PDB file of N, CA and C in Angstrom:
ATOM      1  N   MET A   1       3.823  21.782  41.073  1.00  0.00           N
ATOM      2  CA  MET A   1       4.798  22.791  40.791  1.00  0.00           C
ATOM      3  C   MET A   1       4.623  23.252  39.345  1.00  0.00           C
ATOM      4  N   ARG A   2       4.708  24.555  39.133  1.00  0.00           N
ATOM      5  CA  ARG A   2       4.553  25.109  37.794  1.00  0.00           C
ATOM      6  C   ARG A   2       5.914  25.480  37.222  1.00  0.00           C
ATOM      7  N   ALA A   3       6.013  25.392  35.934  1.00  0.00           N
ATOM      8  CA  ALA A   3       7.255  25.767  35.237  1.00  0.00           C
ATOM      9  C   ALA A   3       6.909  26.747  34.120  1.00  0.00           C
ATOM     10  N   PRO A   4       7.840  27.639  33.792  1.00  0.00           N
ATOM     11  CA  PRO A   4       7.597  28.558  32.681  1.00  0.00           C
ATOM     12  C   PRO A   4       7.359  27.794  31.381  1.00  0.00           C
ATOM     13  N   ASP A   5       6.631  28.417  30.455  1.00  0.00           N
ATOM     14  CA  ASP A   5       6.310  27.773  29.183  1.00  0.00           C
ATOM     15  C   ASP A   5       7.557  27.311  28.433  1.00  0.00           C
ATOM     16  N   TRP A   6       8.629  28.142  28.457  1.00  0.00           N
ATOM     17  CA  TRP A   6       9.824  27.770  27.693  1.00  0.00           C
ATOM     18  C   TRP A   6      10.482  26.515  28.247  1.00  0.00           C
ATOM     19  N   VAL A   7      10.299  26.249  29.550  1.00  0.00           N
ATOM     20  CA  VAL A   7      10.829  25.022  30.134  1.00  0.00           C
ATOM     21  C   VAL A   7       9.958  23.841  29.719  1.00  0.00           C
ATOM     22  N   ALA A   8       8.657  24.024  29.806  1.00  0.00           N
ATOM     23  CA  ALA A   8       7.728  22.955  29.459  1.00  0.00           C
ATOM     24  C   ALA A   8       7.830  22.591  27.975  1.00  0.00           C
ATOM     25  N   GLN A   9       8.210  23.571  27.135  1.00  0.00           N
ATOM     26  CA  GLN A   9       8.310  23.321  25.703  1.00  0.00           C
ATOM     27  C   GLN A   9       9.673  22.784  25.289  1.00  0.00           C
ATOM     28  N   GLY A  10      10.542  22.560  26.234  1.00  0.00           N
ATOM     29  CA  GLY A  10      11.826  21.955  25.899  1.00  0.00           C
ATOM     30  C   GLY A  10      12.987  22.924  25.887  1.00  0.00           C
ATOM     31  N   GLY A  11      12.820  24.124  26.413  1.00  0.00           N
ATOM     32  CA  GLY A  11      13.950  25.044  26.518  1.00  0.00           C
ATOM     33  C   GLY A  11      14.276  25.751  25.225  1.00  0.00           C
ATOM     34  N   THR A  12      15.545  26.025  25.048  1.00  0.00           N
ATOM     35  CA  THR A  12      15.997  26.791  23.897  1.00  0.00           C
ATOM     36  C   THR A  12      15.997  25.932  22.638  1.00  0.00           C
ATOM     37  N   PRO A  13      15.881  26.576  21.487  1.00  0.00           N
ATOM     38  CA  PRO A  13      15.898  25.814  20.236  1.00  0.00           C
ATOM     39  C   PRO A  13      17.237  25.124  20.023  1.00  0.00           C
ATOM     40  N   ARG A  14      17.211  24.008  19.361  1.00  0.00           N
ATOM     41  CA  ARG A  14      18.412  23.233  19.075  1.00  0.00           C
ATOM     42  C   ARG A  14      18.985  23.652  17.723  1.00  0.00           C
ATOM     43  N   LEU A  15      20.313  23.647  17.629  1.00  0.00           N
ATOM     44  CA  LEU A  15      20.977  23.960  16.370  1.00  0.00           C
ATOM     45  C   LEU A  15      21.011  22.732  15.470  1.00  0.00           C
ATOM     46  N   ARG A  16      21.065  22.972  14.174  1.00  0.00           N
ATOM     47  CA  ARG A  16      21.270  21.887  13.208  1.00  0.00           C
ATOM     48  C   ARG A  16      22.774  21.642  13.136  1.00  0.00           C
ATOM     49  N   VAL A  17      23.185  20.415  13.264  1.00  0.00           N
ATOM     50  CA  VAL A  17      24.598  20.063  13.258  1.00  0.00           C
ATOM     51  C   VAL A  17      24.886  19.206  12.031  1.00  0.00           C
ATOM     52  N   ALA A  18      25.904  19.627  11.273  1.00  0.00           N
ATOM     53  CA  ALA A  18      26.359  18.855  10.122  1.00  0.00           C
ATOM     54  C   ALA A  18      27.803  18.437  10.379  1.00  0.00           C
ATOM     55  N   VAL A  19      28.061  17.146  10.306  1.00  0.00           N
ATOM     56  CA  VAL A  19      29.413  16.625  10.485  1.00  0.00           C
ATOM     57  C   VAL A  19      29.958  16.317   9.097  1.00  0.00           C
ATOM     58  N   ARG A  20      31.001  17.024   8.708  1.00  0.00           N
ATOM     59  CA  ARG A  20      31.601  16.788   7.392  1.00  0.00           C
ATOM     60  C   ARG A  20      32.188  15.382   7.333  1.00  0.00           C
ATOM     61  N   GLU A  21      32.201  14.831   6.141  1.00  0.00           N
ATOM     62  CA  GLU A  21      32.681  13.450   5.969  1.00  0.00           C
ATOM     63  C   GLU A  21      34.115  13.289   6.463  1.00  0.00           C
ATOM     64  N   GLU A  22      34.971  14.276   6.211  1.00  0.00           N
ATOM     65  CA  GLU A  22      36.353  14.196   6.678  1.00  0.00           C
ATOM     66  C   GLU A  22      36.410  14.152   8.208  1.00  0.00           C
ATOM     67  N   ALA A  23      35.588  14.988   8.853  1.00  0.00           N
ATOM     68  CA  ALA A  23      35.546  15.001  10.320  1.00  0.00           C
ATOM     69  C   ALA A  23      34.994  13.677  10.852  1.00  0.00           C
ATOM     70  N   ARG A  24      33.997  13.143  10.178  1.00  0.00           N
ATOM     71  CA  ARG A  24      33.418  11.854  10.593  1.00  0.00           C
ATOM     72  C   ARG A  24      34.467  10.744  10.485  1.00  0.00           C
ATOM     73  N   ALA A  25      35.237  10.750   9.415  1.00  0.00           N
ATOM     74  CA  ALA A  25      36.290   9.739   9.241  1.00  0.00           C
ATOM     75  C   ALA A  25      37.355   9.887  10.330  1.00  0.00           C
ATOM     76  N   GLN A  26      37.717  11.117  10.663  1.00  0.00           N
ATOM     77  CA  GLN A  26      38.699  11.352  11.730  1.00  0.00           C
ATOM     78  C   GLN A  26      38.160  10.847  13.061  1.00  0.00           C
ATOM     79  N   LEU A  27      36.901  11.153  13.333  1.00  0.00           N
ATOM     80  CA  LEU A  27      36.276  10.729  14.583  1.00  0.00           C
ATOM     81  C   LEU A  27      36.255   9.199  14.673  1.00  0.00           C
ATOM     82  N   ARG A  28      35.870   8.553  13.598  1.00  0.00           N
ATOM     83  CA  ARG A  28      35.814   7.083  13.588  1.00  0.00           C
ATOM     84  C   ARG A  28      37.200   6.474  13.766  1.00  0.00           C
ATOM     85  N   GLN A  29      38.205   7.083  13.160  1.00  0.00           N
ATOM     86  CA  GLN A  29      39.561   6.568  13.300  1.00  0.00           C
ATOM     87  C   GLN A  29      40.045   6.710  14.743  1.00  0.00           C
ATOM     88  N   LEU A  30      39.782   7.864  15.368  1.00  0.00           N
ATOM     89  CA  LEU A  30      40.240   8.106  16.734  1.00  0.00           C
ATOM     90  C   LEU A  30      39.488   7.249  17.748  1.00  0.00           C
ATOM     91  N   ALA A  31      38.175   7.077  17.549  1.00  0.00           N
ATOM     92  CA  ALA A  31      37.371   6.286  18.485  1.00  0.00           C
ATOM     93  C   ALA A  31      37.405   4.824  18.125  1.00  0.00           C
ATOM     94  N   GLY A  32      37.834   4.571  16.917  1.00  0.00           N
ATOM     95  CA  GLY A  32      37.711   3.328  16.197  1.00  0.00           C
ATOM     96  C   GLY A  32      37.931   2.025  16.903  1.00  0.00           C
ATOM     97  N   GLY A  33      37.600   1.043  16.179  1.00  0.00           N
ATOM     98  CA  GLY A  33      37.761  -0.312  16.667  1.00  0.00           C
ATOM     99  C   GLY A  33      39.136  -0.857  16.348  1.00  0.00           C
ATOM    100  N   GLY A  34      39.509  -1.849  17.071  1.00  0.00           N
ATOM    101  CA  GLY A  34      40.791  -2.509  16.838  1.00  0.00           C
ATOM    102  C   GLY A  34      41.943  -1.684  17.361  1.00  0.00           C
ATOM    103  N   GLY A  35      43.100  -2.254  17.332  1.00  0.00           N
ATOM    104  CA  GLY A  35      44.286  -1.531  17.762  1.00  0.00           C
ATOM    105  C   GLY A  35      44.483  -1.591  19.253  1.00  0.00           C
ATOM    106  N   ASP A  36      45.462  -0.856  19.700  1.00  0.00           N
ATOM    107  CA  ASP A  36      45.879  -0.828  21.097  1.00  0.00           C
ATOM    108  C   ASP A  36      44.877  -0.042  21.942  1.00  0.00           C
ATOM    109  N   ASP A  37      44.436  -0.607  23.050  1.00  0.00           N
ATOM    110  CA  ASP A  37      43.498   0.081  23.938  1.00  0.00           C
ATOM    111  C   ASP A  37      44.101   1.327  24.557  1.00  0.00           C
ATOM    112  N   ASP A  38      45.412   1.384  24.700  1.00  0.00           N
ATOM    113  CA  ASP A  38      46.068   2.532  25.299  1.00  0.00           C
ATOM    114  C   ASP A  38      46.599   3.488  24.248  1.00  0.00           C
ATOM    115  N   ALA A  39      46.105   3.403  23.017  1.00  0.00           N
ATOM    116  CA  ALA A  39      46.594   4.256  21.938  1.00  0.00           C
ATOM    117  C   ALA A  39      46.391   5.728  22.298  1.00  0.00           C
ATOM    118  N   ALA A  40      47.403   6.524  21.999  1.00  0.00           N
ATOM    119  CA  ALA A  40      47.333   7.958  22.280  1.00  0.00           C
ATOM    120  C   ALA A  40      46.191   8.572  21.493  1.00  0.00           C
ATOM    121  N   GLY A  41      45.445   9.430  22.141  1.00  0.00           N
ATOM    122  CA  GLY A  41      44.347  10.127  21.480  1.00  0.00           C
ATOM    123  C   GLY A  41      43.042   9.373  21.441  1.00  0.00           C
ATOM    124  N   ARG A  42      43.015   8.179  21.954  1.00  0.00           N
ATOM    125  CA  ARG A  42      41.770   7.412  21.939  1.00  0.00           C
ATOM    126  C   ARG A  42      40.860   7.880  23.061  1.00  0.00           C
ATOM    127  N   PRO A  43      39.584   8.082  22.776  1.00  0.00           N
ATOM    128  CA  PRO A  43      38.654   8.533  23.816  1.00  0.00           C
ATOM    129  C   PRO A  43      38.602   7.565  24.991  1.00  0.00           C
ATOM    130  N   ARG A  44      38.456   8.129  26.166  1.00  0.00           N
ATOM    131  CA  ARG A  44      38.427   7.324  27.384  1.00  0.00           C
ATOM    132  C   ARG A  44      37.086   6.613  27.565  1.00  0.00           C
ATOM    133  N   PHE A  45      35.997   7.330  27.317  1.00  0.00           N
ATOM    134  CA  PHE A  45      34.667   6.774  27.572  1.00  0.00           C
ATOM    135  C   PHE A  45      34.005   6.213  26.320  1.00  0.00           C
ATOM    136  N   PHE A  46      34.304   6.800  25.161  1.00  0.00           N
ATOM    137  CA  PHE A  46      33.647   6.377  23.926  1.00  0.00           C
ATOM    138  C   PHE A  46      34.572   5.580  23.017  1.00  0.00           C
ATOM    139  N   GLY A  47      35.735   5.144  23.526  1.00  0.00           N
ATOM    140  CA  GLY A  47      36.650   4.343  22.721  1.00  0.00           C
ATOM    141  C   GLY A  47      35.960   3.081  22.234  1.00  0.00           C
ATOM    142  N   GLY A  48      36.054   2.809  20.950  1.00  0.00           N
ATOM    143  CA  GLY A  48      35.414   1.633  20.370  1.00  0.00           C
ATOM    144  C   GLY A  48      33.951   1.839  20.041  1.00  0.00           C
ATOM    145  N   ALA A  49      33.438   3.058  20.266  1.00  0.00           N
ATOM    146  CA  ALA A  49      32.029   3.346  19.988  1.00  0.00           C
ATOM    147  C   ALA A  49      31.903   4.674  19.221  1.00  0.00           C
ATOM    148  N   PRO A  50      32.389   4.704  17.974  1.00  0.00           N
ATOM    149  CA  PRO A  50      32.376   5.967  17.235  1.00  0.00           C
ATOM    150  C   PRO A  50      30.981   6.547  16.990  1.00  0.00           C
ATOM    151  N   GLU A  51      29.981   5.700  16.816  1.00  0.00           N
ATOM    152  CA  GLU A  51      28.624   6.208  16.593  1.00  0.00           C
ATOM    153  C   GLU A  51      28.107   6.927  17.841  1.00  0.00           C
ATOM    154  N   GLN A  52      28.391   6.372  19.005  1.00  0.00           N
ATOM    155  CA  GLN A  52      27.966   7.009  20.254  1.00  0.00           C
ATOM    156  C   GLN A  52      28.732   8.299  20.496  1.00  0.00           C
ATOM    157  N   LEU A  53      30.004   8.320  20.145  1.00  0.00           N
ATOM    158  CA  LEU A  53      30.803   9.530  20.296  1.00  0.00           C
ATOM    159  C   LEU A  53      30.275  10.630  19.381  1.00  0.00           C
ATOM    160  N   GLU A  54      29.959  10.289  18.148  1.00  0.00           N
ATOM    161  CA  GLU A  54      29.402  11.282  17.229  1.00  0.00           C
ATOM    162  C   GLU A  54      28.059  11.796  17.740  1.00  0.00           C
ATOM    163  N   ALA A  55      27.225  10.909  18.250  1.00  0.00           N
ATOM    164  CA  ALA A  55      25.918  11.326  18.787  1.00  0.00           C
ATOM    165  C   ALA A  55      26.099  12.276  19.967  1.00  0.00           C
ATOM    166  N   ALA A  56      27.072  11.994  20.845  1.00  0.00           N
ATOM    167  CA  ALA A  56      27.332  12.871  21.993  1.00  0.00           C
ATOM    168  C   ALA A  56      27.832  14.237  21.530  1.00  0.00           C
ATOM    169  N   LEU A  57      28.698  14.259  20.528  1.00  0.00           N
ATOM    170  CA  LEU A  57      29.205  15.520  19.986  1.00  0.00           C
ATOM    171  C   LEU A  57      28.073  16.329  19.371  1.00  0.00           C
ATOM    172  N   VAL A  58      27.206  15.677  18.621  1.00  0.00           N
ATOM    173  CA  VAL A  58      26.065  16.360  18.006  1.00  0.00           C
ATOM    174  C   VAL A  58      25.150  16.938  19.091  1.00  0.00           C
ATOM    175  N   GLN A  59      24.857  16.171  20.125  1.00  0.00           N
ATOM    176  CA  GLN A  59      24.004  16.677  21.209  1.00  0.00           C
ATOM    177  C   GLN A  59      24.631  17.870  21.903  1.00  0.00           C
ATOM    178  N   LEU A  60      25.939  17.820  22.124  1.00  0.00           N
ATOM    179  CA  LEU A  60      26.646  18.937  22.743  1.00  0.00           C
ATOM    180  C   LEU A  60      26.520  20.189  21.890  1.00  0.00           C
ATOM    181  N   LEU A  61      26.758  20.065  20.585  1.00  0.00           N
ATOM    182  CA  LEU A  61      26.716  21.223  19.702  1.00  0.00           C
ATOM    183  C   LEU A  61      25.297  21.731  19.464  1.00  0.00           C
ATOM    184  N   GLN A  62      24.311  20.855  19.484  1.00  0.00           N
ATOM    185  CA  GLN A  62      22.919  21.282  19.334  1.00  0.00           C
ATOM    186  C   GLN A  62      22.526  22.276  20.421  1.00  0.00           C
ATOM    187  N   ALA A  63      23.105  22.124  21.602  1.00  0.00           N
ATOM    188  CA  ALA A  63      22.800  22.993  22.735  1.00  0.00           C
ATOM    189  C   ALA A  63      23.594  24.302  22.686  1.00  0.00           C
ATOM    190  N   ASP A  64      24.489  24.475  21.710  1.00  0.00           N
ATOM    191  CA  ASP A  64      25.319  25.669  21.538  1.00  0.00           C
ATOM    192  C   ASP A  64      26.099  26.004  22.811  1.00  0.00           C
ATOM    193  N   PRO A  65      27.261  25.361  22.995  1.00  0.00           N
ATOM    194  CA  PRO A  65      28.028  25.544  24.225  1.00  0.00           C
ATOM    195  C   PRO A  65      28.776  26.872  24.318  1.00  0.00           C
ATOM    196  N   ARG A  66      28.704  27.719  23.295  1.00  0.00           N
ATOM    197  CA  ARG A  66      29.429  28.988  23.319  1.00  0.00           C
ATOM    198  C   ARG A  66      28.858  29.933  24.378  1.00  0.00           C
ATOM    199  N   SER A  67      29.737  30.731  24.956  1.00  0.00           N
ATOM    200  CA  SER A  67      29.295  31.762  25.899  1.00  0.00           C
ATOM    201  C   SER A  67      28.620  32.888  25.121  1.00  0.00           C
ATOM    202  N   VAL A  68      27.900  33.742  25.814  1.00  0.00           N
ATOM    203  CA  VAL A  68      27.252  34.891  25.171  1.00  0.00           C
ATOM    204  C   VAL A  68      28.309  35.757  24.494  1.00  0.00           C
ATOM    205  N   TYR A  69      29.438  35.945  25.170  1.00  0.00           N
ATOM    206  CA  TYR A  69      30.529  36.729  24.593  1.00  0.00           C
ATOM    207  C   TYR A  69      30.972  36.140  23.258  1.00  0.00           C
ATOM    208  N   ARG A  70      31.219  34.835  23.222  1.00  0.00           N
ATOM    209  CA  ARG A  70      31.676  34.185  21.986  1.00  0.00           C
ATOM    210  C   ARG A  70      30.616  34.277  20.885  1.00  0.00           C
ATOM    211  N   LYS A  71      29.358  34.162  21.259  1.00  0.00           N
ATOM    212  CA  LYS A  71      28.296  34.232  20.255  1.00  0.00           C
ATOM    213  C   LYS A  71      28.270  35.587  19.567  1.00  0.00           C
ATOM    214  N   HIS A  72      28.545  36.661  20.329  1.00  0.00           N
ATOM    215  CA  HIS A  72      28.422  38.008  19.771  1.00  0.00           C
ATOM    216  C   HIS A  72      29.753  38.606  19.330  1.00  0.00           C
ATOM    217  N   LYS A  73      30.776  38.487  20.115  1.00  0.00           N
ATOM    218  CA  LYS A  73      32.054  39.134  19.817  1.00  0.00           C
ATOM    219  C   LYS A  73      32.951  38.304  18.901  1.00  0.00           C
ATOM    220  N   CYS A  74      32.740  37.024  18.875  1.00  0.00           N
ATOM    221  CA  CYS A  74      33.613  36.148  18.074  1.00  0.00           C
ATOM    222  C   CYS A  74      32.827  35.450  16.973  1.00  0.00           C
ATOM    223  N   ALA A  75      31.722  36.045  16.577  1.00  0.00           N
ATOM    224  CA  ALA A  75      30.897  35.452  15.527  1.00  0.00           C
ATOM    225  C   ALA A  75      31.725  35.320  14.249  1.00  0.00           C
ATOM    226  N   GLY A  76      31.561  34.231  13.574  1.00  0.00           N
ATOM    227  CA  GLY A  76      32.276  34.003  12.339  1.00  0.00           C
ATOM    228  C   GLY A  76      33.649  33.374  12.516  1.00  0.00           C
ATOM    229  N   GLN A  77      34.121  33.281  13.745  1.00  0.00           N
ATOM    230  CA  GLN A  77      35.410  32.649  14.000  1.00  0.00           C
ATOM    231  C   GLN A  77      35.203  31.162  14.298  1.00  0.00           C
ATOM    232  N   GLU A  78      36.246  30.404  14.012  1.00  0.00           N
ATOM    233  CA  GLU A  78      36.195  28.980  14.306  1.00  0.00           C
ATOM    234  C   GLU A  78      36.089  28.775  15.816  1.00  0.00           C
ATOM    235  N   TYR A  79      35.342  27.767  16.200  1.00  0.00           N
ATOM    236  CA  TYR A  79      35.145  27.442  17.615  1.00  0.00           C
ATOM    237  C   TYR A  79      35.614  26.015  17.835  1.00  0.00           C
ATOM    238  N   ARG A  80      36.302  25.801  18.941  1.00  0.00           N
ATOM    239  CA  ARG A  80      36.785  24.463  19.275  1.00  0.00           C
ATOM    240  C   ARG A  80      36.107  23.983  20.549  1.00  0.00           C
ATOM    241  N   VAL A  81      35.734  22.727  20.545  1.00  0.00           N
ATOM    242  CA  VAL A  81      35.092  22.133  21.708  1.00  0.00           C
ATOM    243  C   VAL A  81      35.749  20.786  21.980  1.00  0.00           C
ATOM    244  N   ARG A  82      35.912  20.478  23.256  1.00  0.00           N
ATOM    245  CA  ARG A  82      36.528  19.208  23.649  1.00  0.00           C
ATOM    246  C   ARG A  82      35.485  18.267  24.231  1.00  0.00           C
ATOM    247  N   LEU A  83      35.672  17.004  23.875  1.00  0.00           N
ATOM    248  CA  LEU A  83      34.781  15.968  24.385  1.00  0.00           C
ATOM    249  C   LEU A  83      35.587  14.671  24.459  1.00  0.00           C
ATOM    250  N   ASP A  84      35.711  14.144  25.643  1.00  0.00           N
ATOM    251  CA  ASP A  84      36.343  12.842  25.866  1.00  0.00           C
ATOM    252  C   ASP A  84      37.737  12.736  25.249  1.00  0.00           C
ATOM    253  N   GLY A  85      38.550  13.755  25.448  1.00  0.00           N
ATOM    254  CA  GLY A  85      39.924  13.725  24.973  1.00  0.00           C
ATOM    255  C   GLY A  85      40.105  14.083  23.506  1.00  0.00           C
ATOM    256  N   LEU A  86      39.027  14.439  22.842  1.00  0.00           N
ATOM    257  CA  LEU A  86      39.102  14.863  21.451  1.00  0.00           C
ATOM    258  C   LEU A  86      38.740  16.341  21.352  1.00  0.00           C
ATOM    259  N   GLU A  87      39.227  16.972  20.314  1.00  0.00           N
ATOM    260  CA  GLU A  87      38.906  18.375  20.067  1.00  0.00           C
ATOM    261  C   GLU A  87      38.282  18.483  18.682  1.00  0.00           C
ATOM    262  N   ALA A  88      37.104  19.082  18.628  1.00  0.00           N
ATOM    263  CA  ALA A  88      36.405  19.270  17.361  1.00  0.00           C
ATOM    264  C   ALA A  88      36.482  20.740  16.969  1.00  0.00           C
ATOM    265  N   ARG A  89      36.864  21.000  15.718  1.00  0.00           N
ATOM    266  CA  ARG A  89      36.854  22.357  15.174  1.00  0.00           C
ATOM    267  C   ARG A  89      35.510  22.556  14.492  1.00  0.00           C
ATOM    268  N   CYS A  90      34.842  23.653  14.851  1.00  0.00           N
ATOM    269  CA  CYS A  90      33.485  23.887  14.369  1.00  0.00           C
ATOM    270  C   CYS A  90      33.339  25.291  13.803  1.00  0.00           C
ATOM    271  N   ALA A  91      32.360  25.445  12.931  1.00  0.00           N
ATOM    272  CA  ALA A  91      32.016  26.753  12.388  1.00  0.00           C
ATOM    273  C   ALA A  91      30.523  26.952  12.573  1.00  0.00           C
ATOM    274  N   PHE A  92      30.160  27.964  13.358  1.00  0.00           N
ATOM    275  CA  PHE A  92      28.761  28.309  13.558  1.00  0.00           C
ATOM    276  C   PHE A  92      28.363  29.294  12.473  1.00  0.00           C
ATOM    277  N   ALA A  93      27.282  29.043  11.782  1.00  0.00           N
ATOM    278  CA  ALA A  93      26.824  29.913  10.704  1.00  0.00           C
ATOM    279  C   ALA A  93      26.222  31.186  11.292  1.00  0.00           C
ATOM    280  N   ASP A  94      26.724  32.332  10.836  1.00  0.00           N
ATOM    281  CA  ASP A  94      26.201  33.614  11.309  1.00  0.00           C
ATOM    282  C   ASP A  94      24.742  33.774  10.900  1.00  0.00           C
ATOM    283  N   GLY A  95      23.905  34.114  11.866  1.00  0.00           N
ATOM    284  CA  GLY A  95      22.494  34.365  11.590  1.00  0.00           C
ATOM    285  C   GLY A  95      21.662  33.129  11.324  1.00  0.00           C
ATOM    286  N   GLU A  96      22.259  31.973  11.415  1.00  0.00           N
ATOM    287  CA  GLU A  96      21.525  30.730  11.191  1.00  0.00           C
ATOM    288  C   GLU A  96      21.657  29.852  12.414  1.00  0.00           C
ATOM    289  N   ASP A  97      20.741  28.940  12.559  1.00  0.00           N
ATOM    290  CA  ASP A  97      20.785  27.997  13.677  1.00  0.00           C
ATOM    291  C   ASP A  97      21.466  26.711  13.222  1.00  0.00           C
ATOM    292  N   ALA A  98      22.742  26.856  12.790  1.00  0.00           N
ATOM    293  CA  ALA A  98      23.453  25.705  12.252  1.00  0.00           C
ATOM    294  C   ALA A  98      24.928  25.775  12.623  1.00  0.00           C
ATOM    295  N   VAL A  99      25.538  24.596  12.690  1.00  0.00           N
ATOM    296  CA  VAL A  99      26.967  24.477  12.976  1.00  0.00           C
ATOM    297  C   VAL A  99      27.528  23.314  12.161  1.00  0.00           C
ATOM    298  N   ASP A 100      28.729  23.519  11.611  1.00  0.00           N
ATOM    299  CA  ASP A 100      29.435  22.471  10.875  1.00  0.00           C
ATOM    300  C   ASP A 100      30.610  21.988  11.705  1.00  0.00           C
ATOM    301  N   VAL A 101      30.778  20.679  11.792  1.00  0.00           N
ATOM    302  CA  VAL A 101      31.974  20.100  12.408  1.00  0.00           C
ATOM    303  C   VAL A 101      32.975  19.933  11.271  1.00  0.00           C
ATOM    304  N   LEU A 102      34.080  20.682  11.355  1.00  0.00           N
ATOM    305  CA  LEU A 102      35.062  20.721  10.278  1.00  0.00           C
ATOM    306  C   LEU A 102      36.113  19.627  10.399  1.00  0.00           C
ATOM    307  N   ALA A 103      36.571  19.369  11.625  1.00  0.00           N
ATOM    308  CA  ALA A 103      37.636  18.389  11.841  1.00  0.00           C
ATOM    309  C   ALA A 103      37.607  17.915  13.286  1.00  0.00           C
ATOM    310  N   VAL A 104      38.152  16.733  13.516  1.00  0.00           N
ATOM    311  CA  VAL A 104      38.259  16.162  14.857  1.00  0.00           C
ATOM    312  C   VAL A 104      39.679  15.622  15.012  1.00  0.00           C
ATOM    313  N   ALA A 105      40.297  15.937  16.156  1.00  0.00           N
ATOM    314  CA  ALA A 105      41.660  15.474  16.428  1.00  0.00           C
ATOM    315  C   ALA A 105      41.791  15.163  17.910  1.00  0.00           C
ATOM    316  N   ALA A 106      42.850  14.471  18.259  1.00  0.00           N
ATOM    317  CA  ALA A 106      43.149  14.226  19.673  1.00  0.00           C
ATOM    318  C   ALA A 106      43.501  15.564  20.309  1.00  0.00           C
ATOM    319  N   ALA A 107      42.966  15.825  21.499  1.00  0.00           N
ATOM    320  CA  ALA A 107      43.265  17.067  22.206  1.00  0.00           C
ATOM    321  C   ALA A 107      44.725  17.046  22.637  1.00  0.00           C
ATOM    322  N   GLU A 108      45.375  18.197  22.527  1.00  0.00           N
ATOM    323  CA  GLU A 108      46.792  18.311  22.880  1.00  0.00           C
ATOM    324  C   GLU A 108      47.030  17.991  24.352  1.00  0.00           C
ATOM    325  N   SER A 109      46.203  18.567  25.229  1.00  0.00           N
ATOM    326  CA  SER A 109      46.326  18.341  26.667  1.00  0.00           C
ATOM    327  C   SER A 109      44.973  18.608  27.291  1.00  0.00           C
ATOM    328  N   GLU A 110      44.883  18.384  28.577  1.00  0.00           N
ATOM    329  CA  GLU A 110      43.624  18.614  29.283  1.00  0.00           C
ATOM    330  C   GLU A 110      43.446  20.063  29.705  1.00  0.00           C
ATOM    331  N   THR A 111      44.477  20.896  29.529  1.00  0.00           N
ATOM    332  CA  THR A 111      44.377  22.294  29.916  1.00  0.00           C
ATOM    333  C   THR A 111      44.070  23.145  28.704  1.00  0.00           C
ATOM    334  N   THR A 112      43.526  24.314  28.955  1.00  0.00           N
ATOM    335  CA  THR A 112      43.199  25.242  27.882  1.00  0.00           C
ATOM    336  C   THR A 112      44.456  25.990  27.480  1.00  0.00           C
ATOM    337  N   CYS A 113      44.694  26.074  26.184  1.00  0.00           N
ATOM    338  CA  CYS A 113      45.865  26.784  25.676  1.00  0.00           C
ATOM    339  C   CYS A 113      45.547  28.261  25.536  1.00  0.00           C
ATOM    340  N   MET A 114      46.590  29.069  25.699  1.00  0.00           N
ATOM    341  CA  MET A 114      46.425  30.507  25.511  1.00  0.00           C
ATOM    342  C   MET A 114      46.401  30.793  24.026  1.00  0.00           C
ATOM    343  N   SER A 115      45.698  31.851  23.643  1.00  0.00           N
ATOM    344  CA  SER A 115      45.703  32.249  22.242  1.00  0.00           C
ATOM    345  C   SER A 115      47.010  32.954  21.936  1.00  0.00           C
ATOM    346  N   GLU A 116      47.299  33.173  20.667  1.00  0.00           N
ATOM    347  CA  GLU A 116      48.525  33.847  20.284  1.00  0.00           C
ATOM    348  C   GLU A 116      48.584  35.267  20.828  1.00  0.00           C
ATOM    349  N   GLU A 117      47.429  35.927  20.911  1.00  0.00           N
ATOM    350  CA  GLU A 117      47.380  37.280  21.448  1.00  0.00           C
ATOM    351  C   GLU A 117      47.795  37.313  22.913  1.00  0.00           C
ATOM    352  N   GLU A 118      47.330  36.345  23.691  1.00  0.00           N
ATOM    353  CA  GLU A 118      47.640  36.294  25.104  1.00  0.00           C
ATOM    354  C   GLU A 118      49.087  35.871  25.354  1.00  0.00           C
ATOM    355  N   ASP A 119      49.630  35.108  24.386  1.00  0.00           N
ATOM    356  CA  ASP A 119      50.961  34.552  24.547  1.00  0.00           C
ATOM    357  C   ASP A 119      52.061  35.611  24.462  1.00  0.00           C
ATOM    358  N   GLY A 120      51.781  36.710  23.817  1.00  0.00           N
ATOM    359  CA  GLY A 120      52.778  37.743  23.829  1.00  0.00           C
ATOM    360  C   GLY A 120      52.960  38.363  22.535  1.00  0.00           C
TER     361      GLY A 120
END
């Protein structure tokens, strides 16, 4: 079976991901060791494994999960992504293949919230 060159070469280019120290500390605290296993905001799958959670977040962002619409129409705006019950606030650099993780917090809920514009 033959595959196109771009598939054989590994697909689309990966973005450079930088996790700010504050975001890394937040991620480690939320995924962290010790404490109550049922603590609110603790990741379900990566609880107790902050290094693995950070690696999963980096891999997710390297693949650029934004839709085509978000890439073009919402360029320069903050982007939020959820992973394992956490929400990461990110900034994609315009015209560059890079993204910064600005902050990490427990996700409010499992549903998507409406923006202020949609809310009324």
